[in-house]
Protein backbone atom coordinates (compact mmCIF):
# COMPACT_ATOMS: atom_id res chain seq x y z
CA MET A 1 22.93 17.30 -79.00
CA VAL A 2 24.63 19.34 -81.71
CA ARG A 3 27.48 21.59 -80.67
CA ASN A 4 30.04 23.66 -82.50
CA ALA A 5 33.62 22.41 -82.46
CA LEU A 6 36.05 24.67 -80.65
CA LEU A 7 39.06 25.43 -82.83
CA ALA A 8 41.81 27.13 -80.87
CA THR A 9 44.48 28.39 -83.25
CA ALA A 10 46.89 31.27 -83.00
CA ALA A 11 45.23 33.00 -85.92
CA ALA A 12 41.54 32.20 -85.51
CA LEU A 13 39.01 33.00 -82.83
CA ALA A 14 36.92 30.07 -81.65
CA VAL A 15 33.50 30.81 -80.21
CA VAL A 16 31.34 27.99 -78.86
CA THR A 17 27.60 28.54 -79.13
CA ALA A 18 25.05 27.82 -76.47
CA VAL A 19 23.20 24.61 -75.77
CA PRO A 20 19.50 24.88 -74.89
CA ALA A 21 18.51 26.14 -71.46
CA GLY A 22 18.66 23.50 -68.75
CA ALA A 23 20.87 21.11 -70.69
CA GLU A 24 23.64 19.35 -68.80
CA PRO A 25 27.24 19.52 -70.09
CA ARG A 26 27.68 16.75 -72.62
CA ALA A 27 30.89 17.11 -74.57
CA GLU A 28 34.39 18.42 -74.01
CA VAL A 29 34.94 21.42 -76.27
CA PHE A 30 38.20 22.72 -74.81
CA PHE A 31 40.94 21.03 -72.82
CA ASP A 32 44.51 21.82 -71.87
CA ASP A 33 46.56 19.62 -69.53
CA PHE A 34 49.81 21.52 -70.04
CA SER A 35 51.59 18.41 -71.26
CA GLY A 36 53.82 20.32 -73.68
CA ALA A 37 57.19 21.87 -73.00
CA GLU A 38 55.75 25.36 -72.57
CA LEU A 39 52.50 27.31 -72.55
CA ASP A 40 50.38 26.61 -75.63
CA ARG A 41 49.99 30.06 -77.15
CA ALA A 42 47.37 28.86 -79.58
CA LYS A 43 45.11 28.56 -76.53
CA TRP A 44 46.47 31.18 -74.13
CA ALA A 45 47.63 34.79 -74.37
CA VAL A 46 49.90 36.37 -71.77
CA GLU A 47 48.99 39.67 -70.14
CA VAL A 48 51.75 42.26 -69.74
CA THR A 49 51.21 45.13 -67.30
CA GLY A 50 51.66 48.48 -68.98
CA GLU A 51 51.46 46.98 -72.45
CA ASN A 52 48.00 45.52 -72.83
CA PHE A 53 46.84 45.65 -69.21
CA GLY A 54 46.81 48.19 -66.39
CA THR A 55 47.14 47.59 -62.66
CA VAL A 56 43.83 47.30 -60.80
CA ASN A 57 42.72 46.74 -57.20
CA GLN A 58 45.93 48.33 -55.85
CA GLU A 59 47.77 45.07 -56.59
CA GLN A 60 51.51 45.12 -56.07
CA GLN A 61 52.78 43.03 -59.00
CA ALA A 62 53.54 43.68 -62.63
CA TYR A 63 52.48 40.88 -64.95
CA VAL A 64 55.31 39.94 -67.27
CA ASP A 65 55.82 37.46 -70.10
CA SER A 66 58.75 35.52 -68.69
CA PRO A 67 59.73 31.86 -68.20
CA GLU A 68 60.53 32.86 -64.61
CA THR A 69 56.88 33.60 -63.87
CA ILE A 70 54.98 31.42 -66.39
CA TYR A 71 56.22 27.93 -67.21
CA VAL A 72 55.19 24.28 -67.46
CA GLU A 73 56.37 22.03 -64.62
CA HIS A 74 56.84 18.31 -65.35
CA ASP A 75 58.11 17.16 -61.96
CA PRO A 76 55.82 14.21 -61.02
CA ALA A 77 56.25 15.17 -57.38
CA THR A 78 53.78 18.01 -57.95
CA GLY A 79 50.96 15.49 -58.23
CA ALA A 80 49.81 16.76 -61.62
CA GLU A 81 48.50 14.14 -64.02
CA ASN A 82 50.78 15.27 -66.84
CA GLY A 83 52.40 18.68 -66.76
CA ALA A 84 51.24 21.65 -64.71
CA LEU A 85 51.15 25.32 -65.56
CA ALA A 86 53.10 27.21 -62.90
CA LEU A 87 52.41 30.87 -62.12
CA HIS A 88 55.39 31.81 -59.99
CA PRO A 89 55.66 35.36 -58.58
CA ARG A 90 59.12 36.80 -57.96
CA TYR A 91 60.53 39.57 -55.83
CA ALA A 92 62.12 41.96 -58.31
CA PRO A 93 62.48 45.44 -56.76
CA GLY A 94 62.56 48.31 -59.21
CA THR A 95 61.00 46.46 -62.15
CA GLN A 96 59.80 48.99 -64.70
CA ALA A 97 56.73 48.12 -66.76
CA PRO A 98 56.36 49.28 -70.39
CA ASP A 99 54.20 52.20 -69.23
CA GLY A 100 57.00 53.48 -66.98
CA GLN A 101 55.43 52.40 -63.69
CA THR A 102 57.74 50.67 -61.17
CA TYR A 103 56.97 47.50 -59.22
CA ASP A 104 58.77 45.37 -56.67
CA PHE A 105 57.13 42.10 -57.73
CA VAL A 106 56.46 40.32 -61.02
CA SER A 107 53.97 37.53 -61.66
CA GLY A 108 51.97 35.73 -64.35
CA ARG A 109 48.52 36.11 -65.89
CA VAL A 110 47.16 34.18 -68.88
CA LYS A 111 43.83 34.36 -70.72
CA THR A 112 41.98 32.81 -73.66
CA GLN A 113 40.61 36.11 -75.00
CA ASP A 114 40.38 36.11 -78.83
CA LYS A 115 41.28 32.40 -78.80
CA VAL A 116 38.71 30.48 -76.76
CA GLU A 117 35.38 32.10 -75.91
CA PHE A 118 32.08 30.40 -75.15
CA THR A 119 28.52 30.99 -73.92
CA TYR A 120 27.08 28.68 -71.24
CA GLY A 121 28.48 25.28 -70.34
CA SER A 122 30.64 23.95 -67.55
CA TYR A 123 34.22 25.03 -67.00
CA ALA A 124 36.62 23.53 -64.48
CA ALA A 125 40.26 23.57 -63.47
CA ARG A 126 42.29 21.32 -61.19
CA LEU A 127 44.34 23.71 -59.08
CA LYS A 128 46.95 23.60 -56.35
CA LEU A 129 47.25 26.67 -54.17
CA PRO A 130 50.62 27.74 -52.73
CA GLU A 131 52.07 25.37 -50.15
CA ASN A 132 50.16 25.49 -46.84
CA ALA A 133 47.73 27.94 -48.52
CA THR A 134 48.31 30.43 -45.71
CA GLY A 135 50.50 33.10 -47.30
CA SER A 136 48.54 36.19 -46.27
CA GLY A 137 48.12 38.56 -49.21
CA LEU A 138 48.72 36.00 -51.95
CA TRP A 139 45.86 36.24 -54.45
CA PRO A 140 45.72 33.41 -57.03
CA ALA A 141 42.50 33.27 -59.04
CA TRP A 142 40.55 31.30 -61.68
CA TRP A 143 37.81 33.27 -63.42
CA SER A 144 36.22 34.52 -66.63
CA LEU A 145 35.26 37.85 -68.19
CA GLY A 146 32.78 38.90 -70.83
CA ALA A 147 34.46 38.90 -74.24
CA ASN A 148 32.77 42.21 -75.06
CA ILE A 149 34.92 44.00 -72.47
CA ASP A 150 36.87 45.70 -75.29
CA ASP A 151 33.83 46.13 -77.52
CA GLY A 152 31.54 48.63 -75.87
CA GLU A 153 30.89 46.81 -72.58
CA PRO A 154 33.74 47.68 -70.18
CA TRP A 155 34.01 46.13 -66.74
CA PRO A 156 31.76 45.57 -64.86
CA ASP A 157 29.08 45.75 -67.58
CA CYS A 158 30.71 42.82 -69.39
CA GLY A 159 30.13 40.50 -66.42
CA GLU A 160 32.78 38.71 -64.36
CA ILE A 161 32.51 35.15 -62.97
CA ASP A 162 35.03 34.33 -60.23
CA VAL A 163 35.22 30.55 -59.92
CA MET A 164 38.03 30.57 -57.34
CA GLU A 165 39.82 33.31 -55.46
CA HIS A 166 42.18 32.79 -52.55
CA VAL A 167 43.83 35.36 -50.27
CA GLY A 168 45.95 33.19 -47.99
CA GLU A 169 43.17 32.13 -45.62
CA PRO A 170 41.93 28.54 -45.08
CA TRP A 171 39.08 29.11 -47.56
CA THR A 172 38.46 30.08 -51.16
CA SER A 173 35.63 32.18 -52.56
CA SER A 174 33.42 32.56 -55.63
CA ALA A 175 31.69 35.72 -56.80
CA LEU A 176 29.83 37.53 -59.56
CA HIS A 177 30.44 41.12 -60.64
CA GLY A 178 28.01 43.01 -62.88
CA PRO A 179 26.83 46.56 -63.60
CA GLU A 180 25.10 47.22 -60.26
CA TYR A 181 27.03 44.74 -58.09
CA HIS A 182 30.81 44.83 -58.26
CA GLY A 183 33.81 45.31 -56.04
CA ASP A 184 32.23 44.51 -52.69
CA THR A 185 29.57 42.44 -54.48
CA PRO A 186 26.72 40.84 -52.52
CA PHE A 187 26.97 37.80 -54.80
CA THR A 188 29.86 36.02 -53.13
CA LYS A 189 30.38 32.92 -51.02
CA ARG A 190 33.33 31.45 -49.12
CA GLN A 191 34.06 27.73 -49.38
CA ASP A 192 35.53 26.05 -46.33
CA PHE A 193 37.41 22.77 -46.59
CA GLU A 194 36.06 21.14 -43.41
CA GLY A 195 39.28 19.51 -42.27
CA ALA A 196 40.72 19.00 -45.77
CA ASP A 197 43.88 20.82 -46.83
CA PRO A 198 43.10 23.82 -49.06
CA ALA A 199 46.62 23.51 -50.45
CA ASP A 200 45.93 20.04 -51.88
CA TRP A 201 44.80 19.60 -55.46
CA HIS A 202 41.12 20.54 -55.84
CA VAL A 203 38.80 20.88 -58.84
CA TYR A 204 36.97 24.21 -59.01
CA ARG A 205 34.02 24.30 -61.42
CA VAL A 206 31.07 26.44 -62.42
CA ASP A 207 28.02 25.25 -64.35
CA TRP A 208 26.62 28.15 -66.37
CA THR A 209 23.15 28.14 -67.94
CA PRO A 210 20.82 30.89 -69.17
CA ASP A 211 19.07 30.63 -65.79
CA GLY A 212 21.98 30.80 -63.35
CA LEU A 213 25.41 29.72 -62.18
CA THR A 214 26.30 26.93 -59.77
CA PHE A 215 29.78 26.62 -58.24
CA PHE A 216 31.49 23.43 -57.08
CA VAL A 217 34.65 22.33 -55.29
CA ASP A 218 35.48 18.66 -55.94
CA ASP A 219 31.92 18.08 -57.23
CA THR A 220 30.36 19.43 -54.04
CA GLU A 221 28.04 22.37 -54.67
CA THR A 222 29.23 25.42 -52.76
CA TYR A 223 27.18 28.31 -54.17
CA ARG A 224 24.27 28.98 -56.51
CA VAL A 225 23.04 32.27 -58.02
CA THR A 226 20.00 32.48 -60.30
CA LYS A 227 19.08 34.97 -62.99
CA ASP A 228 15.78 35.57 -61.19
CA GLU A 229 17.64 36.40 -57.97
CA ILE A 230 19.73 39.07 -59.69
CA GLN A 231 16.89 40.54 -61.72
CA GLY A 232 14.62 40.42 -58.68
CA ASN A 233 16.81 43.17 -57.20
CA GLY A 234 16.26 45.26 -60.32
CA TRP A 235 19.82 44.52 -61.44
CA THR A 236 21.31 43.38 -64.73
CA TRP A 237 21.96 39.72 -65.58
CA ALA A 238 25.24 40.08 -67.52
CA TYR A 239 25.85 36.44 -68.46
CA ASP A 240 24.25 35.71 -71.84
CA ASP A 241 27.29 36.57 -73.97
CA PRO A 242 30.64 34.81 -74.57
CA GLN A 243 33.23 34.75 -71.80
CA PHE A 244 36.95 33.99 -71.87
CA LEU A 245 39.05 32.26 -69.21
CA ILE A 246 41.71 33.79 -66.96
CA LEU A 247 44.31 32.32 -64.59
CA ASN A 248 46.45 34.76 -62.64
CA PHE A 249 48.47 35.22 -59.47
CA ALA A 250 48.13 38.68 -57.91
CA LEU A 251 49.96 39.94 -54.82
CA GLY A 252 48.37 42.22 -52.27
CA GLY A 253 45.60 44.60 -53.23
CA THR A 254 42.09 45.44 -52.08
CA TYR A 255 40.71 41.96 -51.49
CA PRO A 256 43.65 40.71 -49.38
CA ASN A 257 43.78 44.04 -47.54
CA GLY A 258 40.07 43.82 -46.81
CA VAL A 259 40.74 40.49 -45.07
CA ASN A 260 44.14 40.99 -43.41
CA GLY A 261 44.14 44.78 -42.92
CA VAL A 262 47.83 44.95 -43.86
CA THR A 263 49.24 48.20 -45.25
CA GLU A 264 52.98 47.73 -44.67
CA PRO A 265 55.41 46.97 -46.19
CA TYR A 266 52.94 46.67 -49.10
CA PHE A 267 49.19 47.18 -49.35
CA GLY A 268 47.64 43.84 -48.44
CA LEU A 269 51.00 42.04 -48.32
CA PRO A 270 52.84 41.49 -45.00
CA GLN A 271 56.60 41.08 -44.61
CA SER A 272 56.28 37.36 -43.84
CA THR A 273 54.75 36.76 -47.26
CA VAL A 274 57.27 39.04 -48.98
CA ASP A 275 60.00 36.86 -47.48
CA ARG A 276 58.38 33.71 -48.89
CA ILE A 277 58.12 35.25 -52.34
CA ALA A 278 61.74 36.42 -52.20
CA ALA A 279 62.81 32.89 -51.26
CA GLY A 280 61.05 31.54 -54.37
CA GLU A 281 58.73 29.38 -52.27
CA VAL A 282 55.39 30.54 -53.63
CA ARG A 283 53.72 29.30 -56.79
CA TYR A 284 50.26 28.41 -58.11
CA LEU A 285 49.86 25.21 -60.15
CA VAL A 286 47.22 24.32 -62.74
CA ASP A 287 46.95 20.65 -63.71
CA TRP A 288 44.27 21.07 -66.38
CA VAL A 289 41.49 23.31 -67.66
CA ARG A 290 38.34 21.92 -69.27
CA VAL A 291 35.20 23.36 -70.90
CA GLU A 292 32.17 21.14 -71.55
CA GLN A 293 28.86 21.84 -73.26
């Protein structure tokens, strides 16, 4: 099977083309195991709230480009195979973003936009949720967005694939967001861990073909959505164009609030979780990210 090589450089955009419909992933075309001293900026860009990104979903954090919130952890006690990317939110009352908005929390968000973009394939990440995975209102995520989001197809028309979202409950979820189904989308599924610890290392993967998307946790299928299912509702299948990868750690906001009902002291974020963030106890670890085609 012929495939294009993925060249991730700081100056050049790499776009991986599709394999034929129905083909299984065959070759690794992107991989990062965070084995360097810091984030590889040839592969990842950092989002900064108020500079190249605006707050959405009533989230309570500002994303900043700081070694306090985005760094590579090499402590073997984490259980990572080499290094691990750490997204580490901090309590920082009165932080002013470049757009003049003020926040009481800062956190990290990285993406491969304009660096690594691909159509179809299998993409996976080995992730470790915050300790105990029960910090209500914490919202770490692993997902992708259509690369045409800034080129005439704004969200949700660009298509969003949520491989893993977590809001401090003993489950994670996957979802799709498109033109007629977004926000409270009907295309979503929770994954329970059936006695396993959601805070342990787990591999979250999606297999993406022209005909549908299938989600997995540790190689166990957890959810499947087909193109026919979406189009059968008269809705748009928004997943035939390149996507880029995103890892982020949000705090509070609409999804956590919809689960925990908390409005004070912050929307979707209770005081008990604020205390954990302020104590520096909460972080989200990424052992590796892989794309295969």
